[in-house]
Amino acid sequence: MTPRRLFEMMADPDRERARRATDAMLTMQKLDLAALEAAFAG
């Protein structure tokens, strides 16, 4: 299952924020939504 919020972050018009979230996700074996939010925020 993939959290809806992850799709929202990856579809953000700010490509730098979306890239940070994607890069963070690719390092995870289990999705850590708090860590993804932190990466997304910068």
N, C-alpha and C. Protein backbone atom coordinates (compact mmCIF):
# COMPACT_ATOMS: atom_id res chain seq x y z
N MET A 1 0.83 -1.18 0.00
CA MET A 1 0.00 0.00 0.00
C MET A 1 0.87 1.24 0.00
N THR A 2 0.42 2.25 -0.67
CA THR A 2 1.15 3.51 -0.72
C THR A 2 0.26 4.61 -0.18
N PRO A 3 0.78 5.40 0.77
CA PRO A 3 -0.03 6.49 1.32
C PRO A 3 -0.39 7.53 0.25
N ARG A 4 -1.62 7.99 0.31
CA ARG A 4 -2.08 9.02 -0.62
C ARG A 4 -1.18 10.26 -0.57
N ARG A 5 -0.72 10.58 0.63
CA ARG A 5 0.13 11.77 0.80
C ARG A 5 1.40 11.68 -0.03
N LEU A 6 1.95 10.48 -0.19
CA LEU A 6 3.15 10.31 -1.01
C LEU A 6 2.87 10.73 -2.45
N PHE A 7 1.73 10.31 -2.99
CA PHE A 7 1.37 10.71 -4.35
C PHE A 7 1.21 12.22 -4.45
N GLU A 8 0.63 12.82 -3.43
CA GLU A 8 0.46 14.28 -3.42
C GLU A 8 1.82 14.98 -3.43
N MET A 9 2.76 14.48 -2.62
CA MET A 9 4.09 15.09 -2.59
C MET A 9 4.80 14.94 -3.94
N MET A 10 4.70 13.76 -4.53
CA MET A 10 5.39 13.51 -5.80
C MET A 10 4.79 14.31 -6.96
N ALA A 11 3.51 14.70 -6.84
CA ALA A 11 2.83 15.46 -7.88
C ALA A 11 2.91 16.97 -7.65
N ASP A 12 3.60 17.39 -6.61
CA ASP A 12 3.69 18.82 -6.29
C ASP A 12 4.29 19.59 -7.46
N PRO A 13 3.75 20.76 -7.79
CA PRO A 13 4.30 21.55 -8.90
C PRO A 13 5.73 22.04 -8.64
N ASP A 14 6.12 22.13 -7.38
CA ASP A 14 7.51 22.49 -7.05
C ASP A 14 8.35 21.23 -7.21
N ARG A 15 9.03 21.11 -8.32
CA ARG A 15 9.76 19.89 -8.66
C ARG A 15 10.88 19.59 -7.67
N GLU A 16 11.47 20.61 -7.06
CA GLU A 16 12.53 20.38 -6.08
C GLU A 16 11.97 19.68 -4.84
N ARG A 17 10.82 20.13 -4.37
CA ARG A 17 10.18 19.48 -3.22
C ARG A 17 9.80 18.05 -3.56
N ALA A 18 9.24 17.84 -4.74
CA ALA A 18 8.86 16.49 -5.17
C ALA A 18 10.09 15.60 -5.27
N ARG A 19 11.20 16.14 -5.77
CA ARG A 19 12.43 15.36 -5.90
C ARG A 19 12.95 14.94 -4.53
N ARG A 20 12.93 15.85 -3.55
CA ARG A 20 13.39 15.52 -2.21
C ARG A 20 12.58 14.38 -1.61
N ALA A 21 11.26 14.45 -1.78
CA ALA A 21 10.39 13.40 -1.25
C ALA A 21 10.67 12.06 -1.95
N THR A 22 10.84 12.11 -3.25
CA THR A 22 11.13 10.89 -4.01
C THR A 22 12.48 10.30 -3.60
N ASP A 23 13.50 11.14 -3.50
CA ASP A 23 14.82 10.66 -3.09
C ASP A 23 14.78 10.01 -1.72
N ALA A 24 14.04 10.63 -0.79
CA ALA A 24 13.92 10.07 0.56
C ALA A 24 13.20 8.73 0.51
N MET A 25 12.14 8.64 -0.27
CA MET A 25 11.38 7.39 -0.37
C MET A 25 12.25 6.26 -0.91
N LEU A 26 13.09 6.56 -1.87
CA LEU A 26 13.89 5.52 -2.50
C LEU A 26 14.94 4.91 -1.56
N THR A 27 15.22 5.56 -0.44
CA THR A 27 16.19 5.02 0.52
C THR A 27 15.52 4.15 1.58
N MET A 28 14.18 4.07 1.57
CA MET A 28 13.43 3.39 2.63
C MET A 28 13.02 1.98 2.22
N GLN A 29 13.11 1.05 3.19
CA GLN A 29 12.52 -0.26 2.97
C GLN A 29 11.05 -0.24 3.36
N LYS A 30 10.76 0.49 4.44
CA LYS A 30 9.38 0.74 4.85
C LYS A 30 9.16 2.24 4.77
N LEU A 31 8.01 2.64 4.29
CA LEU A 31 7.75 4.07 4.17
C LEU A 31 7.58 4.71 5.55
N ASP A 32 8.32 5.78 5.76
CA ASP A 32 8.27 6.56 6.99
C ASP A 32 7.69 7.92 6.62
N LEU A 33 6.39 8.08 6.82
CA LEU A 33 5.72 9.29 6.36
C LEU A 33 6.27 10.55 7.03
N ALA A 34 6.66 10.46 8.28
CA ALA A 34 7.23 11.63 8.97
C ALA A 34 8.54 12.04 8.31
N ALA A 35 9.38 11.09 7.96
CA ALA A 35 10.64 11.39 7.29
C ALA A 35 10.39 11.95 5.88
N LEU A 36 9.39 11.43 5.21
CA LEU A 36 9.05 11.95 3.87
C LEU A 36 8.56 13.39 3.97
N GLU A 37 7.74 13.67 4.96
CA GLU A 37 7.25 15.05 5.16
C GLU A 37 8.41 16.00 5.45
N ALA A 38 9.37 15.55 6.26
CA ALA A 38 10.53 16.37 6.59
C ALA A 38 11.36 16.65 5.34
N ALA A 39 11.59 15.64 4.52
CA ALA A 39 12.35 15.83 3.28
C ALA A 39 11.60 16.77 2.34
N PHE A 40 10.30 16.61 2.27
CA PHE A 40 9.46 17.44 1.40
C PHE A 40 9.53 18.90 1.83
N ALA A 41 9.54 19.13 3.12
CA ALA A 41 9.57 20.50 3.66
C ALA A 41 10.94 21.16 3.44
N GLY A 42 11.94 20.34 3.28
CA GLY A 42 13.27 20.89 3.01
C GLY A 42 14.10 20.83 4.21
